[in-house]
Amino acid sequence: MQSFTIPKNVGGGFSVFCAVGLLPSAIVDIDVDELPSSAKKFMTIFLRYKNSFNINAVLSYSSRLEGFSK
């Protein structure tokens, strides 16, 4: 059986850009070759306007933390 390795220096949400995250994206017909340039465009725009908005994100990965995201 073939398997994929997640690089040790790639963690959390960024693992979507390694083979483990790109394979499911490719299966559902997302153009994975376009993802890096799209992410770069997004970051360029975000960094230009980041001080214009107060953006906070809390993701509750456990039901015990649900109160923090409401």
Protein backbone atom coordinates (compact mmCIF):
# COMPACT_ATOMS: atom_id res chain seq x y z
CA MET A 1 0.00 0.00 0.00
CA GLN A 2 1.30 3.44 -0.90
CA SER A 3 1.30 6.05 1.81
CA PHE A 4 2.11 9.74 2.12
CA THR A 5 4.35 11.39 4.66
CA ILE A 6 3.52 14.69 6.28
CA PRO A 7 6.78 16.64 6.60
CA LYS A 8 7.72 17.22 10.24
CA ASN A 9 8.00 20.98 9.73
CA VAL A 10 4.44 21.25 8.34
CA GLY A 11 1.77 21.44 10.96
CA GLY A 12 -1.87 22.11 11.51
CA GLY A 13 -3.79 23.88 8.79
CA PHE A 14 -0.73 24.15 6.56
CA SER A 15 -0.72 20.38 6.01
CA VAL A 16 -3.38 21.00 3.37
CA PHE A 17 -0.54 22.08 1.07
CA CYS A 18 1.35 18.78 1.37
CA ALA A 19 0.47 15.51 -0.38
CA VAL A 20 -1.98 14.49 2.35
CA GLY A 21 -4.12 17.57 1.73
CA LEU A 22 -3.56 17.92 -1.99
CA LEU A 23 -4.65 14.39 -2.89
CA PRO A 24 -8.28 14.81 -1.70
CA SER A 25 -8.37 18.20 -3.40
CA ALA A 26 -7.20 16.68 -6.68
CA ILE A 27 -9.78 13.88 -6.37
CA VAL A 28 -12.61 16.44 -6.20
CA ASP A 29 -11.17 18.19 -9.27
CA ILE A 30 -9.54 21.20 -7.62
CA ASP A 31 -6.62 22.49 -9.67
CA VAL A 32 -3.86 21.77 -7.17
CA ASP A 33 -1.24 23.26 -9.48
CA GLU A 34 -3.01 26.61 -9.12
CA LEU A 35 -3.27 26.54 -5.30
CA PRO A 36 0.19 27.97 -4.46
CA SER A 37 -0.18 30.99 -6.74
CA SER A 38 -3.75 31.57 -5.51
CA ALA A 39 -2.56 31.43 -1.90
CA LYS A 40 0.22 33.88 -2.71
CA LYS A 41 -2.28 36.30 -4.31
CA PHE A 42 -4.52 36.03 -1.25
CA MET A 43 -1.63 36.73 1.14
CA THR A 44 -0.52 39.73 -0.91
CA ILE A 45 -3.99 41.25 -0.67
CA PHE A 46 -4.45 40.25 2.98
CA LEU A 47 -1.13 41.76 4.06
CA ARG A 48 -1.99 44.99 2.26
CA TYR A 49 -5.23 45.40 4.24
CA LYS A 50 -4.53 43.46 7.46
CA ASN A 51 -4.32 46.57 9.63
CA SER A 52 -7.67 47.82 8.30
CA PHE A 53 -9.65 45.06 10.00
CA ASN A 54 -9.79 43.48 13.42
CA ILE A 55 -9.81 39.80 12.50
CA ASN A 56 -10.04 37.15 15.19
CA ALA A 57 -10.66 33.48 14.64
CA VAL A 58 -11.25 30.85 17.28
CA LEU A 59 -11.71 27.28 16.16
CA SER A 60 -13.03 24.88 18.76
CA TYR A 61 -11.49 21.51 17.98
CA SER A 62 -13.18 19.94 20.97
CA SER A 63 -16.70 20.18 22.32
CA ARG A 64 -15.16 21.24 25.63
CA LEU A 65 -13.85 24.41 23.90
CA GLU A 66 -17.12 25.26 22.14
CA GLY A 67 -17.82 28.21 24.47
CA PHE A 68 -14.71 30.03 23.18
CA SER A 69 -16.03 30.20 19.61
CA LYS A 70 -19.42 31.71 20.36
